[in-house]
Amino acid sequence: MKGWHVTESDSQGAIIQQILSEVELHLGGIYTLVTDELVGIDSHVEEVMTLLNSSSSIGKVVGIHGMGGLGKTTLSKVVYNKICTQFERFCFLEDVRETLTNSEGALSLQNKLISSILKKDNHQVSNVSEGINMIKERVCKHKVLIVIDDIDGRFEFDKIIGNLGDFSFDSRFMFTTRYKRALDFFPNCKLYEIGEMSHPLSLQLFSKHAFGMDSPPMEDVAISEEFVKVAAGLPLALKVIGSLLFRRERKFWEEKLIELQGIPSTTENKVQERLKISYNELSHNEKQIFLDIACFFVGTHKDLIYYMWSGCDFYPESGITTLIHISLMKLDEGNHFWMHDHIKDLGRAIVREEDIQHPYNRSRIWSTDDALDMFRNAKVKIFVNGLMIFVDVKSREHEKELKSVDFKDLLGLRYLEVRYGSIMGDFSQVLPNLCSLRLPHCESIPSDIYMKKLVVLDLKECNVKDNWRGWNRIKVNSISSLVFFMYQLRAHTK
């Protein structure tokens, strides 16, 4: 720590704490990247860094654009890792497009930015206007590096982050997007388009996953070249297809090649179509786990969900191992589920195809609008086995209410998550197959929950008091089936 001044009055403990805080500040945001994700990335990194290193005061924004599956996020993380310590503070905002589908998405992005830059979790804001003011007063004064990953037309910088001109001239911003027009908001944005991978690099990446080496064995060169051709220079497709073929017999390779070659080159969503051949090889249980993750659990800790899958006899240990082996998902360093956007989109597209026009006839509903429409219009919903509802905290009280009668036809439901709602009525005779119930931040919850098959109960930050009658049912039931219970009183609850 060059230049660190210590006086005789400084205690040893305080000095150590300051040093640790400084080290954490500069290392806490570094991303660990798998080596094989970096094939052919060096030239892209150099060009983006050149754009970012511009001394021009109007050149503080760089936008990386290109179709999905080309490695935009990986490229931005590599650049971020290389240069973040040149800045006083830095932040990487991931999955912005997905985050903004949530009614509280903008507020969530603001709080992540503020806590990352100020390095204090207690600097949380309660509304977007407050967030913009705090960013202007507390964040803009620092020399910052901010990466905003996967934006689309819904991302409005000035309504979430504030005025770009308020940031110091030596701050830098980097955006990634599939939609070049999403960068039109920034008139001085320097654009960098990432294209398909070259043939030699495609063969190298494919070989890493199909053979565990940088090039194919001589006897497999010809068929490998054919797979590289149908992957069309898409790194994600090369990785997933190669992983699927790893240590499989020749006949399997030949059949999969024919299947891939049958996908029209003009298919609008050619990435998903190529990825789907891996999904088709999964067992029934593995497909259920894959679809659950894609629809509900990206970013969720594995332990919370493993118990539910075990309770449903899905055998999650072997299922997750298979999904990781064929590159359909990962577990990050904190054991949270991670999927590439295209793979998550594939899973959700498969569920939508169960009934294009009527969401209530699908196996999983993750859209709050679809769920509330199902309840309000008394739609038949016997097919639904997973349901997620994020109630808008700004809703009127009666609009937050979900009654037991709404759930009476959900006979196959095994996963239910409701946030910020009020759950009313008698639930002793409904949801007979429910395995996992998560009600974080709910204002009211019933005391007579049917618990015969329930293995996960999450009541974090619920408005539940010590005299809640449901405690007795939990104590009795926990002896038999309830194996994962999360409970945390609100700070004001007594």
Foldseek 3Di string as FASTA:
>chain_A
DPPDDDDPPDDPVVVVVVVVVVVCQQPVPQDDDDPLLCQPLVVVLVVVVVQCPDPDLLSQEAEEEAAPQACPVVSVNVNCNVCQNVWPFEEEAPPLVVLVLAPCSLQVSLLRVVCRGVVHNVPHDDDQVVSQVCCLVPVQVTQYEYEYEEDDLVDDCCSRNNDPVSHDSNHHYYYYYHDPVSCVVRVSYHYDYRDAADLLSLQQSLCCQQPVGRHDPPVCRVLSSLLSVLQPRRSLLSQLVSLLNHPDDPVVSVVLSVCSVPPDPPPPCSSLSSNVVLVVPDDPLLLVVLLCCLQPFQFHAPVQCVLLSVLVVSPVVVSVVSCVSSPQWDQDPRRGIHGRPSSSVSSVVVQCVCDVPQNLQGQEDRNQVNLVVCQVVVHQRCNYAYYEHEDDLPDDQVSQEDELVSQARPQNHAYYEYEQGAYDDAQQRGNQNHAEYAYEHYAYDALRHNPPSHAYYHHEAYQDAPPRNNVVVCVVNVVPHHNYYHYDYDPPHD
